PDB file of N, CA and C in Angstrom:
ATOM      1  N   MET A   1      42.772 -49.640 -27.137  1.00  0.00           N
ATOM      2  CA  MET A   1      42.645 -49.560 -28.581  1.00  0.00           C
ATOM      3  C   MET A   1      41.181 -49.563 -28.940  1.00  0.00           C
ATOM      4  N   CYS A   2      40.788 -48.720 -29.849  1.00  0.00           N
ATOM      5  CA  CYS A   2      39.417 -48.677 -30.355  1.00  0.00           C
ATOM      6  C   CYS A   2      39.377 -49.269 -31.755  1.00  0.00           C
ATOM      7  N   LEU A   3      38.290 -49.933 -32.053  1.00  0.00           N
ATOM      8  CA  LEU A   3      38.139 -50.554 -33.346  1.00  0.00           C
ATOM      9  C   LEU A   3      36.773 -50.207 -33.916  1.00  0.00           C
ATOM     10  N   ALA A   4      36.755 -49.675 -35.114  1.00  0.00           N
ATOM     11  CA  ALA A   4      35.513 -49.379 -35.807  1.00  0.00           C
ATOM     12  C   ALA A   4      35.277 -50.494 -36.822  1.00  0.00           C
ATOM     13  N   VAL A   5      34.079 -51.035 -36.835  1.00  0.00           N
ATOM     14  CA  VAL A   5      33.760 -52.233 -37.634  1.00  0.00           C
ATOM     15  C   VAL A   5      32.719 -51.910 -38.696  1.00  0.00           C
ATOM     16  N   PRO A   6      32.938 -52.347 -39.944  1.00  0.00           N
ATOM     17  CA  PRO A   6      31.909 -52.172 -40.961  1.00  0.00           C
ATOM     18  C   PRO A   6      30.814 -53.217 -40.783  1.00  0.00           C
ATOM     19  N   MET A   7      29.575 -52.789 -40.835  1.00  0.00           N
ATOM     20  CA  MET A   7      28.442 -53.692 -40.725  1.00  0.00           C
ATOM     21  C   MET A   7      27.362 -53.291 -41.724  1.00  0.00           C
ATOM     22  N   GLU A   8      26.576 -54.276 -42.179  1.00  0.00           N
ATOM     23  CA  GLU A   8      25.543 -54.008 -43.162  1.00  0.00           C
ATOM     24  C   GLU A   8      24.224 -53.645 -42.460  1.00  0.00           C
ATOM     25  N   VAL A   9      23.587 -52.592 -42.922  1.00  0.00           N
ATOM     26  CA  VAL A   9      22.308 -52.152 -42.370  1.00  0.00           C
ATOM     27  C   VAL A   9      21.202 -53.078 -42.882  1.00  0.00           C
ATOM     28  N   LYS A  10      20.472 -53.694 -41.952  1.00  0.00           N
ATOM     29  CA  LYS A  10      19.404 -54.620 -42.293  1.00  0.00           C
ATOM     30  C   LYS A  10      18.010 -54.019 -42.113  1.00  0.00           C
ATOM     31  N   HIS A  11      17.860 -53.099 -41.165  1.00  0.00           N
ATOM     32  CA  HIS A  11      16.565 -52.491 -40.863  1.00  0.00           C
ATOM     33  C   HIS A  11      16.797 -51.163 -40.169  1.00  0.00           C
ATOM     34  N   ILE A  12      15.950 -50.183 -40.456  1.00  0.00           N
ATOM     35  CA  ILE A  12      16.051 -48.873 -39.800  1.00  0.00           C
ATOM     36  C   ILE A  12      14.679 -48.490 -39.284  1.00  0.00           C
ATOM     37  N   GLU A  13      14.663 -48.011 -38.048  1.00  0.00           N
ATOM     38  CA  GLU A  13      13.440 -47.460 -37.462  1.00  0.00           C
ATOM     39  C   GLU A  13      13.827 -46.232 -36.658  1.00  0.00           C
ATOM     40  N   GLY A  14      13.512 -45.061 -37.200  1.00  0.00           N
ATOM     41  CA  GLY A  14      13.890 -43.816 -36.522  1.00  0.00           C
ATOM     42  C   GLY A  14      15.394 -43.665 -36.524  1.00  0.00           C
ATOM     43  N   GLU A  15      15.965 -43.486 -35.350  1.00  0.00           N
ATOM     44  CA  GLU A  15      17.403 -43.311 -35.190  1.00  0.00           C
ATOM     45  C   GLU A  15      18.125 -44.599 -34.800  1.00  0.00           C
ATOM     46  N   VAL A  16      17.440 -45.734 -34.916  1.00  0.00           N
ATOM     47  CA  VAL A  16      18.009 -47.024 -34.546  1.00  0.00           C
ATOM     48  C   VAL A  16      18.051 -47.913 -35.783  1.00  0.00           C
ATOM     49  N   ALA A  17      19.174 -48.589 -35.972  1.00  0.00           N
ATOM     50  CA  ALA A  17      19.327 -49.510 -37.099  1.00  0.00           C
ATOM     51  C   ALA A  17      19.763 -50.867 -36.591  1.00  0.00           C
ATOM     52  N   ASP A  18      19.261 -51.917 -37.235  1.00  0.00           N
ATOM     53  CA  ASP A  18      19.770 -53.273 -37.026  1.00  0.00           C
ATOM     54  C   ASP A  18      20.857 -53.489 -38.068  1.00  0.00           C
ATOM     55  N   VAL A  19      22.032 -53.917 -37.623  1.00  0.00           N
ATOM     56  CA  VAL A  19      23.151 -54.145 -38.518  1.00  0.00           C
ATOM     57  C   VAL A  19      23.681 -55.558 -38.284  1.00  0.00           C
ATOM     58  N   GLU A  20      24.411 -56.069 -39.297  1.00  0.00           N
ATOM     59  CA  GLU A  20      24.899 -57.439 -39.189  1.00  0.00           C
ATOM     60  C   GLU A  20      26.230 -57.589 -39.918  1.00  0.00           C
ATOM     61  N   ILE A  21      27.050 -58.469 -39.359  1.00  0.00           N
ATOM     62  CA  ILE A  21      28.254 -58.946 -40.038  1.00  0.00           C
ATOM     63  C   ILE A  21      28.584 -60.333 -39.483  1.00  0.00           C
ATOM     64  N   GLY A  22      28.845 -61.269 -40.366  1.00  0.00           N
ATOM     65  CA  GLY A  22      29.236 -62.620 -39.945  1.00  0.00           C
ATOM     66  C   GLY A  22      28.241 -63.298 -39.049  1.00  0.00           C
ATOM     67  N   GLY A  23      26.940 -63.027 -39.218  1.00  0.00           N
ATOM     68  CA  GLY A  23      25.916 -63.641 -38.388  1.00  0.00           C
ATOM     69  C   GLY A  23      25.692 -62.937 -37.063  1.00  0.00           C
ATOM     70  N   VAL A  24      26.475 -61.915 -36.768  1.00  0.00           N
ATOM     71  CA  VAL A  24      26.326 -61.142 -35.536  1.00  0.00           C
ATOM     72  C   VAL A  24      25.441 -59.940 -35.830  1.00  0.00           C
ATOM     73  N   ARG A  25      24.329 -59.816 -35.116  1.00  0.00           N
ATOM     74  CA  ARG A  25      23.402 -58.689 -35.295  1.00  0.00           C
ATOM     75  C   ARG A  25      23.474 -57.777 -34.077  1.00  0.00           C
ATOM     76  N   LYS A  26      23.420 -56.492 -34.336  1.00  0.00           N
ATOM     77  CA  LYS A  26      23.442 -55.473 -33.273  1.00  0.00           C
ATOM     78  C   LYS A  26      22.451 -54.380 -33.621  1.00  0.00           C
ATOM     79  N   GLN A  27      21.981 -53.707 -32.591  1.00  0.00           N
ATOM     80  CA  GLN A  27      21.231 -52.471 -32.783  1.00  0.00           C
ATOM     81  C   GLN A  27      22.175 -51.328 -32.499  1.00  0.00           C
ATOM     82  N   ILE A  28      22.196 -50.363 -33.415  1.00  0.00           N
ATOM     83  CA  ILE A  28      23.093 -49.220 -33.263  1.00  0.00           C
ATOM     84  C   ILE A  28      22.303 -47.934 -33.461  1.00  0.00           C
ATOM     85  N   ARG A  29      22.921 -46.844 -33.068  1.00  0.00           N
ATOM     86  CA  ARG A  29      22.292 -45.520 -33.176  1.00  0.00           C
ATOM     87  C   ARG A  29      22.803 -44.802 -34.427  1.00  0.00           C
ATOM     88  N   LEU A  30      21.934 -43.979 -35.013  1.00  0.00           N
ATOM     89  CA  LEU A  30      22.253 -43.208 -36.206  1.00  0.00           C
ATOM     90  C   LEU A  30      22.358 -41.710 -35.916  1.00  0.00           C
ATOM     91  N   ASP A  31      22.273 -41.333 -34.652  1.00  0.00           N
ATOM     92  CA  ASP A  31      22.214 -39.919 -34.259  1.00  0.00           C
ATOM     93  C   ASP A  31      23.383 -39.087 -34.779  1.00  0.00           C
ATOM     94  N   LEU A  32      24.553 -39.668 -34.941  1.00  0.00           N
ATOM     95  CA  LEU A  32      25.753 -38.902 -35.320  1.00  0.00           C
ATOM     96  C   LEU A  32      25.865 -38.671 -36.820  1.00  0.00           C
ATOM     97  N   MET A  33      24.982 -39.265 -37.585  1.00  0.00           N
ATOM     98  CA  MET A  33      25.077 -39.178 -39.048  1.00  0.00           C
ATOM     99  C   MET A  33      24.127 -38.116 -39.590  1.00  0.00           C
ATOM    100  N   GLY A  34      24.675 -37.221 -40.424  1.00  0.00           N
ATOM    101  CA  GLY A  34      23.835 -36.229 -41.085  1.00  0.00           C
ATOM    102  C   GLY A  34      22.972 -36.888 -42.161  1.00  0.00           C
ATOM    103  N   ASP A  35      23.625 -37.557 -43.108  1.00  0.00           N
ATOM    104  CA  ASP A  35      22.918 -38.311 -44.147  1.00  0.00           C
ATOM    105  C   ASP A  35      22.780 -39.732 -43.678  1.00  0.00           C
ATOM    106  N   LYS A  36      21.549 -40.158 -43.456  1.00  0.00           N
ATOM    107  CA  LYS A  36      21.294 -41.509 -42.920  1.00  0.00           C
ATOM    108  C   LYS A  36      21.545 -42.557 -43.988  1.00  0.00           C
ATOM    109  N   PRO A  37      22.029 -43.731 -43.568  1.00  0.00           N
ATOM    110  CA  PRO A  37      22.236 -44.828 -44.511  1.00  0.00           C
ATOM    111  C   PRO A  37      20.901 -45.446 -44.935  1.00  0.00           C
ATOM    112  N   GLN A  38      20.950 -46.214 -45.992  1.00  0.00           N
ATOM    113  CA  GLN A  38      19.797 -46.976 -46.456  1.00  0.00           C
ATOM    114  C   GLN A  38      20.009 -48.441 -46.130  1.00  0.00           C
ATOM    115  N   VAL A  39      18.926 -49.189 -46.045  1.00  0.00           N
ATOM    116  CA  VAL A  39      19.024 -50.639 -45.853  1.00  0.00           C
ATOM    117  C   VAL A  39      19.855 -51.210 -46.991  1.00  0.00           C
ATOM    118  N   GLY A  40      20.809 -52.091 -46.637  1.00  0.00           N
ATOM    119  CA  GLY A  40      21.704 -52.707 -47.613  1.00  0.00           C
ATOM    120  C   GLY A  40      23.048 -52.017 -47.702  1.00  0.00           C
ATOM    121  N   GLU A  41      23.165 -50.805 -47.199  1.00  0.00           N
ATOM    122  CA  GLU A  41      24.463 -50.113 -47.199  1.00  0.00           C
ATOM    123  C   GLU A  41      25.276 -50.568 -45.996  1.00  0.00           C
ATOM    124  N   PHE A  42      26.579 -50.327 -46.071  1.00  0.00           N
ATOM    125  CA  PHE A  42      27.475 -50.623 -44.978  1.00  0.00           C
ATOM    126  C   PHE A  42      27.812 -49.338 -44.245  1.00  0.00           C
ATOM    127  N   VAL A  43      27.921 -49.443 -42.926  1.00  0.00           N
ATOM    128  CA  VAL A  43      28.334 -48.303 -42.104  1.00  0.00           C
ATOM    129  C   VAL A  43      29.459 -48.747 -41.191  1.00  0.00           C
ATOM    130  N   ILE A  44      30.276 -47.789 -40.818  1.00  0.00           N
ATOM    131  CA  ILE A  44      31.323 -48.040 -39.813  1.00  0.00           C
ATOM    132  C   ILE A  44      30.679 -47.825 -38.456  1.00  0.00           C
ATOM    133  N   ILE A  45      30.826 -48.804 -37.558  1.00  0.00           N
ATOM    134  CA  ILE A  45      30.240 -48.747 -36.218  1.00  0.00           C
ATOM    135  C   ILE A  45      31.362 -48.564 -35.200  1.00  0.00           C
ATOM    136  N   HIS A  46      31.161 -47.617 -34.307  1.00  0.00           N
ATOM    137  CA  HIS A  46      32.103 -47.409 -33.203  1.00  0.00           C
ATOM    138  C   HIS A  46      31.286 -47.068 -31.964  1.00  0.00           C
ATOM    139  N   ALA A  47      31.484 -47.848 -30.912  1.00  0.00           N
ATOM    140  CA  ALA A  47      30.847 -47.600 -29.609  1.00  0.00           C
ATOM    141  C   ALA A  47      29.330 -47.509 -29.730  1.00  0.00           C
ATOM    142  N   GLY A  48      28.752 -48.320 -30.613  1.00  0.00           N
ATOM    143  CA  GLY A  48      27.296 -48.367 -30.720  1.00  0.00           C
ATOM    144  C   GLY A  48      26.673 -47.328 -31.627  1.00  0.00           C
ATOM    145  N   PHE A  49      27.505 -46.540 -32.309  1.00  0.00           N
ATOM    146  CA  PHE A  49      27.021 -45.500 -33.217  1.00  0.00           C
ATOM    147  C   PHE A  49      27.581 -45.697 -34.613  1.00  0.00           C
ATOM    148  N   ALA A  50      26.748 -45.482 -35.629  1.00  0.00           N
ATOM    149  CA  ALA A  50      27.225 -45.436 -37.003  1.00  0.00           C
ATOM    150  C   ALA A  50      27.922 -44.093 -37.185  1.00  0.00           C
ATOM    151  N   ILE A  51      29.115 -44.108 -37.765  1.00  0.00           N
ATOM    152  CA  ILE A  51      29.853 -42.852 -37.928  1.00  0.00           C
ATOM    153  C   ILE A  51      30.086 -42.486 -39.387  1.00  0.00           C
ATOM    154  N   ARG A  52      29.952 -43.453 -40.301  1.00  0.00           N
ATOM    155  CA  ARG A  52      30.171 -43.155 -41.721  1.00  0.00           C
ATOM    156  C   ARG A  52      29.633 -44.278 -42.584  1.00  0.00           C
ATOM    157  N   VAL A  53      29.088 -43.907 -43.731  1.00  0.00           N
ATOM    158  CA  VAL A  53      28.650 -44.901 -44.724  1.00  0.00           C
ATOM    159  C   VAL A  53      29.856 -45.300 -45.573  1.00  0.00           C
ATOM    160  N   LEU A  54      29.966 -46.603 -45.836  1.00  0.00           N
ATOM    161  CA  LEU A  54      30.999 -47.135 -46.732  1.00  0.00           C
ATOM    162  C   LEU A  54      30.333 -47.702 -47.954  1.00  0.00           C
ATOM    163  N   ASN A  55      30.986 -47.639 -49.111  1.00  0.00           N
ATOM    164  CA  ASN A  55      30.446 -48.393 -50.222  1.00  0.00           C
ATOM    165  C   ASN A  55      30.818 -49.859 -50.032  1.00  0.00           C
ATOM    166  N   ARG A  56      30.147 -50.729 -50.746  1.00  0.00           N
ATOM    167  CA  ARG A  56      30.345 -52.167 -50.562  1.00  0.00           C
ATOM    168  C   ARG A  56      31.805 -52.569 -50.755  1.00  0.00           C
ATOM    169  N   GLU A  57      32.484 -51.982 -51.742  1.00  0.00           N
ATOM    170  CA  GLU A  57      33.879 -52.330 -52.012  1.00  0.00           C
ATOM    171  C   GLU A  57      34.776 -51.974 -50.815  1.00  0.00           C
ATOM    172  N   GLU A  58      34.597 -50.785 -50.242  1.00  0.00           N
ATOM    173  CA  GLU A  58      35.390 -50.388 -49.075  1.00  0.00           C
ATOM    174  C   GLU A  58      35.132 -51.315 -47.900  1.00  0.00           C
ATOM    175  N   ALA A  59      33.859 -51.655 -47.712  1.00  0.00           N
ATOM    176  CA  ALA A  59      33.500 -52.531 -46.587  1.00  0.00           C
ATOM    177  C   ALA A  59      34.130 -53.908 -46.745  1.00  0.00           C
ATOM    178  N   MET A  60      34.049 -54.480 -47.942  1.00  0.00           N
ATOM    179  CA  MET A  60      34.612 -55.814 -48.182  1.00  0.00           C
ATOM    180  C   MET A  60      36.128 -55.809 -48.022  1.00  0.00           C
ATOM    181  N   GLU A  61      36.785 -54.741 -48.458  1.00  0.00           N
ATOM    182  CA  GLU A  61      38.228 -54.629 -48.302  1.00  0.00           C
ATOM    183  C   GLU A  61      38.615 -54.592 -46.815  1.00  0.00           C
ATOM    184  N   THR A  62      37.882 -53.817 -46.037  1.00  0.00           N
ATOM    185  CA  THR A  62      38.145 -53.742 -44.585  1.00  0.00           C
ATOM    186  C   THR A  62      37.885 -55.069 -43.915  1.00  0.00           C
ATOM    187  N   ILE A  63      36.770 -55.724 -44.264  1.00  0.00           N
ATOM    188  CA  ILE A  63      36.457 -57.031 -43.684  1.00  0.00           C
ATOM    189  C   ILE A  63      37.550 -58.050 -44.025  1.00  0.00           C
ATOM    190  N   LYS A  64      38.033 -58.022 -45.252  1.00  0.00           N
ATOM    191  CA  LYS A  64      39.108 -58.931 -45.666  1.00  0.00           C
ATOM    192  C   LYS A  64      40.360 -58.725 -44.826  1.00  0.00           C
ATOM    193  N   ILE A  65      40.706 -57.466 -44.544  1.00  0.00           N
ATOM    194  CA  ILE A  65      41.877 -57.162 -43.713  1.00  0.00           C
ATOM    195  C   ILE A  65      41.676 -57.744 -42.313  1.00  0.00           C
ATOM    196  N   PHE A  66      40.477 -57.581 -41.745  1.00  0.00           N
ATOM    197  CA  PHE A  66      40.191 -58.150 -40.425  1.00  0.00           C
ATOM    198  C   PHE A  66      40.336 -59.669 -40.461  1.00  0.00           C
ATOM    199  N   GLN A  67      39.778 -60.301 -41.482  1.00  0.00           N
ATOM    200  CA  GLN A  67      39.822 -61.756 -41.585  1.00  0.00           C
ATOM    201  C   GLN A  67      41.260 -62.272 -41.674  1.00  0.00           C
ATOM    202  N   GLU A  68      42.070 -61.612 -42.494  1.00  0.00           N
ATOM    203  CA  GLU A  68      43.457 -62.029 -42.654  1.00  0.00           C
ATOM    204  C   GLU A  68      44.281 -61.790 -41.382  1.00  0.00           C
ATOM    205  N   GLY A  69      44.062 -60.651 -40.753  1.00  0.00           N
ATOM    206  CA  GLY A  69      44.852 -60.287 -39.578  1.00  0.00           C
ATOM    207  C   GLY A  69      44.505 -61.083 -38.332  1.00  0.00           C
ATOM    208  N   TRP A  70      43.231 -61.462 -38.210  1.00  0.00           N
ATOM    209  CA  TRP A  70      42.789 -62.150 -36.989  1.00  0.00           C
ATOM    210  C   TRP A  70      42.196 -63.514 -37.258  1.00  0.00           C
ATOM    211  N   ASN A  71      42.318 -63.995 -38.492  1.00  0.00           N
ATOM    212  CA  ASN A  71      41.801 -65.302 -38.870  1.00  0.00           C
ATOM    213  C   ASN A  71      40.333 -65.468 -38.490  1.00  0.00           C
ATOM    214  N   LEU A  72      39.510 -64.509 -38.933  1.00  0.00           N
ATOM    215  CA  LEU A  72      38.089 -64.480 -38.626  1.00  0.00           C
ATOM    216  C   LEU A  72      37.260 -64.907 -39.831  1.00  0.00           C
ATOM    217  N   GLU A  73      36.082 -65.409 -39.564  1.00  0.00           N
ATOM    218  CA  GLU A  73      35.089 -65.718 -40.609  1.00  0.00           C
ATOM    219  C   GLU A  73      33.951 -64.711 -40.459  1.00  0.00           C
ATOM    220  N   LEU A  74      33.980 -63.622 -41.251  1.00  0.00           N
ATOM    221  CA  LEU A  74      32.990 -62.563 -41.104  1.00  0.00           C
ATOM    222  C   LEU A  74      31.960 -62.551 -42.223  1.00  0.00           C
ATOM    223  N   VAL A  75      32.304 -63.043 -43.403  1.00  0.00           N
ATOM    224  CA  VAL A  75      31.338 -63.061 -44.505  1.00  0.00           C
ATOM    225  C   VAL A  75      31.399 -64.385 -45.194  1.00  0.00           C
TER     226      VAL A  75
END
């Protein structure tokens, strides 16, 4: 099973972004995105790559579903 996770963009340098959710920070690649995200936006992450920008409402809804389904503390 594959899982794509929404994470907030904290910093961008070239094609690499630092993203975070629930205190977990990762570096991900932006190579697959035509329109690059901005710092503060949420992106869907899959296998180390951002694949789509989400608005804050979509991201929070998805995070809430994860929290309820797996009893997680993400935000």
